[in-house]
PDB file of all heavy atoms in Angstrom:
ATOM      1  N   SER A   1     -34.835  -5.229  18.021  1.00  0.00           N
ATOM      2  CA  SER A   1     -34.149  -6.505  17.756  1.00  0.00           C
ATOM      3  C   SER A   1     -35.004  -7.735  18.043  1.00  0.00           C
ATOM      4  O   SER A   1     -34.513  -8.851  17.946  1.00  0.00           O
ATOM      5  CB  SER A   1     -32.850  -6.579  18.565  1.00  0.00           C
ATOM      6  OG  SER A   1     -33.122  -6.555  19.946  1.00  0.00           O
ATOM      7  N   ILE A   2     -36.271  -7.564  18.361  1.00  0.00           N
ATOM      8  CA  ILE A   2     -37.144  -8.716  18.598  1.00  0.00           C
ATOM      9  C   ILE A   2     -37.229  -9.593  17.354  1.00  0.00           C
ATOM     10  O   ILE A   2     -37.223 -10.829  17.446  1.00  0.00           O
ATOM     11  CB  ILE A   2     -38.552  -8.252  19.033  1.00  0.00           C
ATOM     12  CG1 ILE A   2     -38.487  -7.550  20.396  1.00  0.00           C
ATOM     13  CG2 ILE A   2     -39.531  -9.407  19.062  1.00  0.00           C
ATOM     14  CD1 ILE A   2     -38.016  -8.405  21.538  1.00  0.00           C
ATOM     15  N   ASP A   3     -37.296  -8.982  16.172  1.00  0.00           N
ATOM     16  CA  ASP A   3     -37.346  -9.762  14.950  1.00  0.00           C
ATOM     17  C   ASP A   3     -36.070 -10.576  14.737  1.00  0.00           C
ATOM     18  O   ASP A   3     -36.103 -11.669  14.168  1.00  0.00           O
ATOM     19  CB  ASP A   3     -37.655  -8.898  13.732  1.00  0.00           C
ATOM     20  CG  ASP A   3     -36.787  -7.652  13.635  1.00  0.00           C
ATOM     21  OD1 ASP A   3     -35.966  -7.391  14.544  1.00  0.00           O
ATOM     22  OD2 ASP A   3     -36.946  -6.917  12.646  1.00  0.00           O
ATOM     23  N   ALA A   4     -34.944 -10.094  15.253  1.00  0.00           N
ATOM     24  CA  ALA A   4     -33.684 -10.848  15.157  1.00  0.00           C
ATOM     25  C   ALA A   4     -33.746 -12.102  16.031  1.00  0.00           C
ATOM     26  O   ALA A   4     -33.155 -13.127  15.692  1.00  0.00           O
ATOM     27  CB  ALA A   4     -32.504  -9.983  15.552  1.00  0.00           C
ATOM     28  N   LEU A   5     -34.466 -12.041  17.149  1.00  0.00           N
ATOM     29  CA  LEU A   5     -34.670 -13.212  17.995  1.00  0.00           C
ATOM     30  C   LEU A   5     -35.415 -14.289  17.214  1.00  0.00           C
ATOM     31  O   LEU A   5     -35.015 -15.461  17.215  1.00  0.00           O
ATOM     32  CB  LEU A   5     -35.451 -12.824  19.254  1.00  0.00           C
ATOM     33  CG  LEU A   5     -35.778 -13.950  20.220  1.00  0.00           C
ATOM     34  CD1 LEU A   5     -34.550 -14.345  21.017  1.00  0.00           C
ATOM     35  CD2 LEU A   5     -36.899 -13.527  21.156  1.00  0.00           C
ATOM     36  N   ALA A   6     -36.469 -13.903  16.529  1.00  0.00           N
ATOM     37  CA  ALA A   6     -37.238 -14.856  15.724  1.00  0.00           C
ATOM     38  C   ALA A   6     -36.393 -15.425  14.586  1.00  0.00           C
ATOM     39  O   ALA A   6     -36.489 -16.624  14.274  1.00  0.00           O
ATOM     40  CB  ALA A   6     -38.492 -14.185  15.180  1.00  0.00           C
ATOM     41  N   CYS A   7     -35.551 -14.602  13.986  1.00  0.00           N
ATOM     42  CA  CYS A   7     -34.664 -15.114  12.931  1.00  0.00           C
ATOM     43  C   CYS A   7     -33.661 -16.106  13.497  1.00  0.00           C
ATOM     44  O   CYS A   7     -33.306 -17.075  12.835  1.00  0.00           O
ATOM     45  CB  CYS A   7     -33.943 -13.976  12.227  1.00  0.00           C
ATOM     46  SG  CYS A   7     -34.934 -13.208  10.951  1.00  0.00           S
ATOM     47  N   GLY A   8     -33.216 -15.884  14.715  1.00  0.00           N
ATOM     48  CA  GLY A   8     -32.312 -16.830  15.361  1.00  0.00           C
ATOM     49  C   GLY A   8     -32.966 -18.192  15.536  1.00  0.00           C
ATOM     50  O   GLY A   8     -32.323 -19.230  15.347  1.00  0.00           O
ATOM     51  N   VAL A   9     -34.249 -18.199  15.884  1.00  0.00           N
ATOM     52  CA  VAL A   9     -34.993 -19.466  15.969  1.00  0.00           C
ATOM     53  C   VAL A   9     -34.993 -20.134  14.602  1.00  0.00           C
ATOM     54  O   VAL A   9     -34.757 -21.341  14.482  1.00  0.00           O
ATOM     55  CB  VAL A   9     -36.445 -19.235  16.464  1.00  0.00           C
ATOM     56  CG1 VAL A   9     -37.271 -20.503  16.357  1.00  0.00           C
ATOM     57  CG2 VAL A   9     -36.445 -18.717  17.899  1.00  0.00           C
ATOM     58  N   THR A  10     -35.222 -19.340  13.558  1.00  0.00           N
ATOM     59  CA  THR A  10     -35.213 -19.862  12.192  1.00  0.00           C
ATOM     60  C   THR A  10     -33.851 -20.442  11.833  1.00  0.00           C
ATOM     61  O   THR A  10     -33.759 -21.506  11.213  1.00  0.00           O
ATOM     62  CB  THR A  10     -35.581 -18.737  11.197  1.00  0.00           C
ATOM     63  OG1 THR A  10     -36.847 -18.208  11.550  1.00  0.00           O
ATOM     64  CG2 THR A  10     -35.627 -19.260   9.776  1.00  0.00           C
ATOM     65  N   PHE A  11     -32.772 -19.773  12.228  1.00  0.00           N
ATOM     66  CA  PHE A  11     -31.428 -20.252  11.922  1.00  0.00           C
ATOM     67  C   PHE A  11     -31.160 -21.628  12.523  1.00  0.00           C
ATOM     68  O   PHE A  11     -30.362 -22.400  11.991  1.00  0.00           O
ATOM     69  CB  PHE A  11     -30.364 -19.276  12.426  1.00  0.00           C
ATOM     70  CG  PHE A  11     -30.279 -17.988  11.657  1.00  0.00           C
ATOM     71  CD1 PHE A  11     -29.771 -16.850  12.270  1.00  0.00           C
ATOM     72  CD2 PHE A  11     -30.680 -17.893  10.341  1.00  0.00           C
ATOM     73  CE1 PHE A  11     -29.668 -15.650  11.582  1.00  0.00           C
ATOM     74  CE2 PHE A  11     -30.590 -16.709   9.643  1.00  0.00           C
ATOM     75  CZ  PHE A  11     -30.083 -15.586  10.260  1.00  0.00           C
ATOM     76  N   ALA A  12     -31.809 -21.949  13.627  1.00  0.00           N
ATOM     77  CA  ALA A  12     -31.615 -23.257  14.256  1.00  0.00           C
ATOM     78  C   ALA A  12     -32.113 -24.381  13.360  1.00  0.00           C
ATOM     79  O   ALA A  12     -31.646 -25.516  13.463  1.00  0.00           O
ATOM     80  CB  ALA A  12     -32.330 -23.305  15.609  1.00  0.00           C
ATOM     81  N   PHE A  13     -33.062 -24.080  12.480  1.00  0.00           N
ATOM     82  CA  PHE A  13     -33.620 -25.092  11.591  1.00  0.00           C
ATOM     83  C   PHE A  13     -32.885 -25.173  10.263  1.00  0.00           C
ATOM     84  O   PHE A  13     -33.146 -26.062   9.465  1.00  0.00           O
ATOM     85  CB  PHE A  13     -35.104 -24.807  11.316  1.00  0.00           C
ATOM     86  CG  PHE A  13     -35.923 -24.751  12.566  1.00  0.00           C
ATOM     87  CD1 PHE A  13     -36.642 -23.623  12.883  1.00  0.00           C
ATOM     88  CD2 PHE A  13     -35.977 -25.829  13.432  1.00  0.00           C
ATOM     89  CE1 PHE A  13     -37.396 -23.566  14.032  1.00  0.00           C
ATOM     90  CE2 PHE A  13     -36.732 -25.780  14.583  1.00  0.00           C
ATOM     91  CZ  PHE A  13     -37.449 -24.648  14.879  1.00  0.00           C
ATOM     92  N   LEU A  14     -31.991 -24.260  10.013  1.00  0.00           N
ATOM     93  CA  LEU A  14     -31.267 -24.197   8.747  1.00  0.00           C
ATOM     94  C   LEU A  14     -29.799 -24.511   8.981  1.00  0.00           C
ATOM     95  O   LEU A  14     -29.322 -24.520  10.101  1.00  0.00           O
ATOM     96  CB  LEU A  14     -31.416 -22.797   8.134  1.00  0.00           C
ATOM     97  CG  LEU A  14     -32.849 -22.311   7.936  1.00  0.00           C
ATOM     98  CD1 LEU A  14     -32.852 -20.848   7.509  1.00  0.00           C
ATOM     99  CD2 LEU A  14     -33.567 -23.166   6.917  1.00  0.00           C
ATOM    100  N   ASP A  15     -29.089 -24.745   7.912  1.00  0.00           N
ATOM    101  CA  ASP A  15     -27.655 -25.000   8.002  1.00  0.00           C
ATOM    102  C   ASP A  15     -26.941 -23.649   8.072  1.00  0.00           C
ATOM    103  O   ASP A  15     -26.463 -23.123   7.070  1.00  0.00           O
ATOM    104  CB  ASP A  15     -27.194 -25.797   6.772  1.00  0.00           C
ATOM    105  CG  ASP A  15     -25.737 -26.159   6.853  1.00  0.00           C
ATOM    106  OD1 ASP A  15     -25.201 -26.254   7.976  1.00  0.00           O
ATOM    107  OD2 ASP A  15     -25.125 -26.346   5.786  1.00  0.00           O
ATOM    108  N   THR A  16     -26.885 -23.087   9.290  1.00  0.00           N
ATOM    109  CA  THR A  16     -26.340 -21.746   9.474  1.00  0.00           C
ATOM    110  C   THR A  16     -25.292 -21.751  10.578  1.00  0.00           C
ATOM    111  O   THR A  16     -25.522 -22.287  11.653  1.00  0.00           O
ATOM    112  CB  THR A  16     -27.472 -20.766   9.867  1.00  0.00           C
ATOM    113  OG1 THR A  16     -28.504 -20.831   8.887  1.00  0.00           O
ATOM    114  CG2 THR A  16     -26.964 -19.354   9.973  1.00  0.00           C
ATOM    115  N   ASP A  17     -24.148 -21.152  10.297  1.00  0.00           N
ATOM    116  CA  ASP A  17     -23.140 -20.924  11.332  1.00  0.00           C
ATOM    117  C   ASP A  17     -23.602 -19.708  12.129  1.00  0.00           C
ATOM    118  O   ASP A  17     -23.477 -18.571  11.687  1.00  0.00           O
ATOM    119  CB  ASP A  17     -21.777 -20.672  10.690  1.00  0.00           C
ATOM    120  CG  ASP A  17     -20.703 -20.274  11.694  1.00  0.00           C
ATOM    121  OD1 ASP A  17     -20.938 -20.379  12.911  1.00  0.00           O
ATOM    122  OD2 ASP A  17     -19.619 -19.854  11.237  1.00  0.00           O
ATOM    123  N   ILE A  18     -24.166 -19.950  13.301  1.00  0.00           N
ATOM    124  CA  ILE A  18     -24.817 -18.895  14.074  1.00  0.00           C
ATOM    125  C   ILE A  18     -23.844 -17.800  14.504  1.00  0.00           C
ATOM    126  O   ILE A  18     -24.209 -16.627  14.559  1.00  0.00           O
ATOM    127  CB  ILE A  18     -25.595 -19.469  15.276  1.00  0.00           C
ATOM    128  CG1 ILE A  18     -26.466 -18.382  15.926  1.00  0.00           C
ATOM    129  CG2 ILE A  18     -24.662 -20.087  16.294  1.00  0.00           C
ATOM    130  CD1 ILE A  18     -27.490 -17.753  15.024  1.00  0.00           C
ATOM    131  N   TRP A  19     -22.604 -18.153  14.790  1.00  0.00           N
ATOM    132  CA  TRP A  19     -21.630 -17.149  15.219  1.00  0.00           C
ATOM    133  C   TRP A  19     -21.313 -16.177  14.087  1.00  0.00           C
ATOM    134  O   TRP A  19     -21.254 -14.968  14.299  1.00  0.00           O
ATOM    135  CB  TRP A  19     -20.369 -17.814  15.762  1.00  0.00           C
ATOM    136  CG  TRP A  19     -20.677 -18.614  16.992  1.00  0.00           C
ATOM    137  CD1 TRP A  19     -20.756 -19.971  17.083  1.00  0.00           C
ATOM    138  CD2 TRP A  19     -20.979 -18.109  18.297  1.00  0.00           C
ATOM    139  NE1 TRP A  19     -21.101 -20.346  18.365  1.00  0.00           N
ATOM    140  CE2 TRP A  19     -21.241 -19.212  19.135  1.00  0.00           C
ATOM    141  CE3 TRP A  19     -21.077 -16.834  18.832  1.00  0.00           C
ATOM    142  CZ2 TRP A  19     -21.561 -19.088  20.475  1.00  0.00           C
ATOM    143  CZ3 TRP A  19     -21.398 -16.700  20.178  1.00  0.00           C
ATOM    144  CH2 TRP A  19     -21.643 -17.812  20.977  1.00  0.00           C
ATOM    145  N   SER A  20     -21.113 -16.711  12.892  1.00  0.00           N
ATOM    146  CA  SER A  20     -20.867 -15.846  11.732  1.00  0.00           C
ATOM    147  C   SER A  20     -22.104 -15.019  11.411  1.00  0.00           C
ATOM    148  O   SER A  20     -21.996 -13.827  11.113  1.00  0.00           O
ATOM    149  CB  SER A  20     -20.488 -16.684  10.507  1.00  0.00           C
ATOM    150  OG  SER A  20     -19.267 -17.337  10.721  1.00  0.00           O
ATOM    151  N   ALA A  21     -23.274 -15.660  11.476  1.00  0.00           N
ATOM    152  CA  ALA A  21     -24.516 -14.948  11.188  1.00  0.00           C
ATOM    153  C   ALA A  21     -24.718 -13.793  12.171  1.00  0.00           C
ATOM    154  O   ALA A  21     -25.058 -12.673  11.768  1.00  0.00           O
ATOM    155  CB  ALA A  21     -25.703 -15.908  11.237  1.00  0.00           C
ATOM    156  N   ALA A  22     -24.511 -14.052  13.449  1.00  0.00           N
ATOM    157  CA  ALA A  22     -24.681 -13.010  14.466  1.00  0.00           C
ATOM    158  C   ALA A  22     -23.685 -11.869  14.239  1.00  0.00           C
ATOM    159  O   ALA A  22     -24.042 -10.691  14.377  1.00  0.00           O
ATOM    160  CB  ALA A  22     -24.519 -13.595  15.859  1.00  0.00           C
ATOM    161  N   ALA A  23     -22.452 -12.216  13.878  1.00  0.00           N
ATOM    162  CA  ALA A  23     -21.437 -11.185  13.623  1.00  0.00           C
ATOM    163  C   ALA A  23     -21.808 -10.337  12.405  1.00  0.00           C
ATOM    164  O   ALA A  23     -21.679  -9.105  12.435  1.00  0.00           O
ATOM    165  CB  ALA A  23     -20.065 -11.824  13.431  1.00  0.00           C
ATOM    166  N   ILE A  24     -22.272 -10.983  11.348  1.00  0.00           N
ATOM    167  CA  ILE A  24     -22.662 -10.256  10.135  1.00  0.00           C
ATOM    168  C   ILE A  24     -23.851  -9.345  10.428  1.00  0.00           C
ATOM    169  O   ILE A  24     -23.865  -8.175  10.047  1.00  0.00           O
ATOM    170  CB  ILE A  24     -22.981 -11.235   8.984  1.00  0.00           C
ATOM    171  CG1 ILE A  24     -21.693 -11.920   8.504  1.00  0.00           C
ATOM    172  CG2 ILE A  24     -23.680 -10.527   7.824  1.00  0.00           C
ATOM    173  CD1 ILE A  24     -21.912 -13.099   7.572  1.00  0.00           C
ATOM    174  N   ILE A  25     -24.854  -9.879  11.108  1.00  0.00           N
ATOM    175  CA  ILE A  25     -26.050  -9.103  11.422  1.00  0.00           C
ATOM    176  C   ILE A  25     -25.700  -7.933  12.343  1.00  0.00           C
ATOM    177  O   ILE A  25     -26.139  -6.799  12.128  1.00  0.00           O
ATOM    178  CB  ILE A  25     -27.140 -10.005  12.036  1.00  0.00           C
ATOM    179  CG1 ILE A  25     -27.675 -10.971  10.976  1.00  0.00           C
ATOM    180  CG2 ILE A  25     -28.278  -9.166  12.634  1.00  0.00           C
ATOM    181  CD1 ILE A  25     -28.529 -12.090  11.530  1.00  0.00           C
ATOM    182  N   GLY A  26     -24.895  -8.186  13.366  1.00  0.00           N
ATOM    183  CA  GLY A  26     -24.505  -7.128  14.287  1.00  0.00           C
ATOM    184  C   GLY A  26     -23.689  -6.037  13.615  1.00  0.00           C
ATOM    185  O   GLY A  26     -23.919  -4.844  13.833  1.00  0.00           O
ATOM    186  N   THR A  27     -22.735  -6.436  12.791  1.00  0.00           N
ATOM    187  CA  THR A  27     -21.890  -5.468  12.091  1.00  0.00           C
ATOM    188  C   THR A  27     -22.705  -4.650  11.094  1.00  0.00           C
ATOM    189  O   THR A  27     -22.542  -3.427  10.997  1.00  0.00           O
ATOM    190  CB  THR A  27     -20.728  -6.186  11.369  1.00  0.00           C
ATOM    191  OG1 THR A  27     -19.977  -6.926  12.335  1.00  0.00           O
ATOM    192  CG2 THR A  27     -19.825  -5.204  10.644  1.00  0.00           C
ATOM    193  N   THR A  28     -23.573  -5.325  10.362  1.00  0.00           N
ATOM    194  CA  THR A  28     -24.437  -4.629   9.407  1.00  0.00           C
ATOM    195  C   THR A  28     -25.301  -3.597  10.116  1.00  0.00           C
ATOM    196  O   THR A  28     -25.426  -2.447   9.670  1.00  0.00           O
ATOM    197  CB  THR A  28     -25.328  -5.643   8.661  1.00  0.00           C
ATOM    198  OG1 THR A  28     -24.493  -6.585   7.994  1.00  0.00           O
ATOM    199  CG2 THR A  28     -26.222  -4.960   7.648  1.00  0.00           C
ATOM    200  N   THR A  29     -25.880  -3.990  11.246  1.00  0.00           N
ATOM    201  CA  THR A  29     -26.726  -3.071  12.004  1.00  0.00           C
ATOM    202  C   THR A  29     -25.906  -1.919  12.570  1.00  0.00           C
ATOM    203  O   THR A  29     -26.357  -0.773  12.565  1.00  0.00           O
ATOM    204  CB  THR A  29     -27.464  -3.814  13.135  1.00  0.00           C
ATOM    205  OG1 THR A  29     -28.222  -4.884  12.569  1.00  0.00           O
ATOM    206  CG2 THR A  29     -28.392  -2.885  13.892  1.00  0.00           C
ATOM    207  N   PHE A  30     -24.718  -2.208  13.063  1.00  0.00           N
ATOM    208  CA  PHE A  30     -23.823  -1.157  13.572  1.00  0.00           C
ATOM    209  C   PHE A  30     -23.617  -0.078  12.512  1.00  0.00           C
ATOM    210  O   PHE A  30     -23.815   1.110  12.755  1.00  0.00           O
ATOM    211  CB  PHE A  30     -22.491  -1.780  13.997  1.00  0.00           C
ATOM    212  CG  PHE A  30     -21.478  -0.785  14.496  1.00  0.00           C
ATOM    213  CD1 PHE A  30     -21.453  -0.425  15.828  1.00  0.00           C
ATOM    214  CD2 PHE A  30     -20.553  -0.220  13.638  1.00  0.00           C
ATOM    215  CE1 PHE A  30     -20.518   0.495  16.309  1.00  0.00           C
ATOM    216  CE2 PHE A  30     -19.616   0.698  14.095  1.00  0.00           C
ATOM    217  CZ  PHE A  30     -19.597   1.056  15.438  1.00  0.00           C
ATOM    218  N   VAL A  31     -23.226  -0.512  11.326  1.00  0.00           N
ATOM    219  CA  VAL A  31     -22.918   0.424  10.238  1.00  0.00           C
ATOM    220  C   VAL A  31     -24.177   1.174   9.787  1.00  0.00           C
ATOM    221  O   VAL A  31     -24.173   2.398   9.648  1.00  0.00           O
ATOM    222  CB  VAL A  31     -22.262  -0.318   9.052  1.00  0.00           C
ATOM    223  CG1 VAL A  31     -22.154   0.575   7.821  1.00  0.00           C
ATOM    224  CG2 VAL A  31     -20.896  -0.859   9.451  1.00  0.00           C
ATOM    225  N   LEU A  32     -25.272   0.428   9.574  1.00  0.00           N
ATOM    226  CA  LEU A  32     -26.493   1.077   9.092  1.00  0.00           C
ATOM    227  C   LEU A  32     -27.105   2.016  10.127  1.00  0.00           C
ATOM    228  O   LEU A  32     -27.737   3.012   9.768  1.00  0.00           O
ATOM    229  CB  LEU A  32     -27.507   0.035   8.624  1.00  0.00           C
ATOM    230  CG  LEU A  32     -27.154  -0.662   7.311  1.00  0.00           C
ATOM    231  CD1 LEU A  32     -28.163  -1.740   6.967  1.00  0.00           C
ATOM    232  CD2 LEU A  32     -27.030   0.338   6.176  1.00  0.00           C
TER     233      LEU A  32
END
């Protein structure tokens, strides 16, 4: 998940709802 940390830094610079993004990423990873 280190790469997810770097993506989180990227999300800070974009118009991203971090809570929704984290939920989507976590759920996707759970299933996959």
